[in-house]
Amino acid sequence: MPLIILALETSSPICSIALHNAENGRLLGQAELRLEKSHSTHLTVLIEQLVANTGHTLRDLAAVAVSDGPGSYTGLRIGAAAAKGLCFALDVPLVAVGTLPALAHQVATRTPRPDAYHYAPMLDARRQEVYT
């Protein structure tokens, strides 16, 4: 049985989830919802649908990863609560992932010669400020 990781990103207006095979790094599936202020209503449904659509069950999860910010305080709480609930019920580890390092990693892995660049990921912090 492969090591399957469920990843949750709820720190931004776009709620996104993904299933990864941790042994080979392969993305098994992903889903996102672009409706602001609806994470709490739709997150568990997205998880159920993604897991079912990839032919897995929640019992197949080896871990759950969740963004730990920066970002929307309410969104982060929704993601953390869902992740902690799943981890408690399934007795699997919870992994917190910083939103900004995850963004930088995503860009670096898609850039030729990533060592030739400096990355400064930024998120809107509102009031004409940014998280970086």
Foldseek 3Di string as FASTA:
>chain_A
DFAKEKEWEQQELKTKIWIARVVVRDTLDMDIDNHGPCCLPCVVVRVCVGCVVSPHDLLSHQEYEYECDDGDPVRNVSRVVVRVVSCVVNVHYYHYDHPFVVVLVVVLVVDVPSVVDDDDDWDDPPPPDIDD
